[in-house]
Structure formats: structure tokens, C-alpha cells
Amino acid sequence: MFRNIPRFKAIFVNRLPRMFLISEGSVKYNPNINVKTLKAIQAEPRGVQLFDVRNPTELVEDGELPGAVNIPLDDVEKAFTMSDADFQAKYGVPKPKPK
């Protein structure tokens, strides 16, 4: 999984109790951060887009993350191989550019 996805300046969030698994476009970079750190990252004007990879049922159960775009984990590879226009139309944000 994720072999066809170029490295993006993006943050992917997976469900962990009160913690978040972060990936900056690479499954090798996965530190855990807390809510306070996540809010600080979101406040920085450095062009980071937050992607929540939880399933829609998890969003209903646990709530949504403000500013995050939901792309369920099973859809990530397909989403990031879409054209820029298709990605924008489907998710409402520009597709991150490869590093």
C-alpha cells in the first residue's frame, strides 16, 4: 500500500486515543503527537494540510478534526493518484504537490 504515492507535504491522521499518528507523506515518519501539538501545527502558516484517514463511522463515533479532510485509509492511494482537478472536486482542497 502507498507505493504509488509521491511524497507530499501533508499530515495523515489515524485514530489513537487522544493521540494522533502523523505521516509527512511517508510511512517511515510516524511520531505520535498530542492534541496540543496538533493544534500548534495547524496554526503554523507553512502550507500543511491535515488528512484524517479514519472511516466515516469513526468520524461519527469520535468526532471530526477541525480543518481536516477525510480520506478513508482504503482510499488514500487512489485519491493521491487522481488528477489535480479530480482531487479538488472530490475533496474540496488542492491536491498536495510532491516534494
Protein backbone atom coordinates (compact mmCIF):
# COMPACT_ATOMS: atom_id res chain seq x y z
CA MET A 1 0.00 0.00 0.00
CA PHE A 2 1.14 3.58 -0.71
CA ARG A 3 3.84 2.54 -3.20
CA ASN A 4 2.44 4.73 -5.94
CA ILE A 5 2.03 7.85 -3.82
CA PRO A 6 4.73 10.51 -4.17
CA ARG A 7 5.98 12.25 -1.01
CA PHE A 8 3.64 15.10 -0.12
CA LYS A 9 3.83 17.88 2.43
CA ALA A 10 0.73 16.62 4.20
CA ILE A 11 -0.26 15.18 7.53
CA PHE A 12 -2.29 12.00 7.77
CA VAL A 13 -4.17 11.33 10.99
CA ASN A 14 -5.15 7.88 12.18
CA ARG A 15 -7.24 7.08 15.23
CA LEU A 16 -5.40 6.74 18.52
CA PRO A 17 -6.94 7.64 21.89
CA ARG A 18 -6.16 11.35 22.45
CA MET A 19 -3.06 10.98 20.29
CA PHE A 20 -2.52 11.15 16.55
CA LEU A 21 -0.32 9.15 14.22
CA ILE A 22 1.33 11.56 11.83
CA SER A 23 2.88 10.84 8.47
CA GLU A 24 4.50 13.58 6.44
CA GLY A 25 3.90 11.82 3.14
CA SER A 26 5.94 8.81 4.20
CA VAL A 27 5.08 5.76 6.26
CA LYS A 28 8.62 5.90 7.70
CA TYR A 29 7.91 9.16 9.57
CA ASN A 30 5.27 8.34 12.18
CA PRO A 31 5.71 10.11 15.50
CA ASN A 32 2.80 10.28 17.90
CA ILE A 33 1.68 13.75 18.92
CA ASN A 34 -0.93 15.04 21.32
CA VAL A 35 -3.85 17.38 20.68
CA LYS A 36 -1.89 20.48 21.79
CA THR A 37 0.92 19.76 19.31
CA LEU A 38 -1.57 19.07 16.52
CA LYS A 39 -3.25 22.43 17.13
CA ALA A 40 0.14 24.17 17.03
CA ILE A 41 0.95 22.51 13.69
CA GLN A 42 -2.41 23.59 12.29
CA ALA A 43 -1.81 27.19 13.42
CA GLU A 44 1.50 27.47 11.54
CA PRO A 45 1.21 29.12 8.12
CA ARG A 46 3.52 26.64 6.40
CA GLY A 47 1.10 25.06 3.99
CA VAL A 48 0.37 21.80 5.82
CA GLN A 49 -2.90 20.06 5.00
CA LEU A 50 -4.37 17.68 7.56
CA PHE A 51 -5.84 14.42 6.20
CA ASP A 52 -7.92 12.25 8.50
CA VAL A 53 -7.76 8.63 7.31
CA ARG A 54 -10.40 7.27 9.66
CA ASN A 55 -13.53 5.61 8.29
CA PRO A 56 -16.76 7.65 8.23
CA THR A 57 -18.17 5.58 11.13
CA GLU A 58 -15.17 6.56 13.26
CA LEU A 59 -15.82 10.23 12.47
CA VAL A 60 -19.38 9.84 13.74
CA GLU A 61 -18.25 7.98 16.88
CA ASP A 62 -15.24 10.13 17.77
CA GLY A 63 -15.94 13.45 16.06
CA GLU A 64 -14.25 15.27 13.21
CA LEU A 65 -10.97 17.16 13.39
CA PRO A 66 -11.37 20.84 12.50
CA GLY A 67 -9.58 21.66 9.26
CA ALA A 68 -9.02 18.02 8.32
CA VAL A 69 -10.04 16.43 5.04
CA ASN A 70 -11.35 12.90 5.42
CA ILE A 71 -9.91 10.33 3.02
CA PRO A 72 -10.52 6.84 4.42
CA LEU A 73 -7.33 4.80 4.61
CA ASP A 74 -8.54 2.33 1.99
CA ASP A 75 -8.99 5.24 -0.46
CA VAL A 76 -5.68 7.06 0.11
CA GLU A 77 -3.67 5.50 -2.72
CA LYS A 78 -6.45 6.04 -5.25
CA ALA A 79 -7.03 9.62 -4.05
CA PHE A 80 -3.41 10.69 -4.41
CA THR A 81 -3.13 9.23 -7.90
CA MET A 82 -6.14 11.27 -9.10
CA SER A 83 -5.64 14.28 -11.32
CA ASP A 84 -5.35 17.62 -9.51
CA ALA A 85 -8.77 18.69 -10.81
CA ASP A 86 -10.50 15.45 -9.77
CA PHE A 87 -8.89 15.58 -6.30
CA GLN A 88 -10.01 19.22 -5.83
CA ALA A 89 -13.55 18.41 -6.98
CA LYS A 90 -13.89 15.37 -4.71
CA TYR A 91 -12.18 16.62 -1.52
CA GLY A 92 -12.57 20.40 -1.78
CA VAL A 93 -8.87 21.19 -1.29
CA PRO A 94 -5.95 21.32 -3.71
CA LYS A 95 -4.05 18.07 -4.07
CA PRO A 96 -0.69 18.43 -2.30
CA LYS A 97 2.28 18.69 -4.62
CA PRO A 98 5.06 16.10 -4.38
CA LYS A 99 8.18 17.22 -2.53
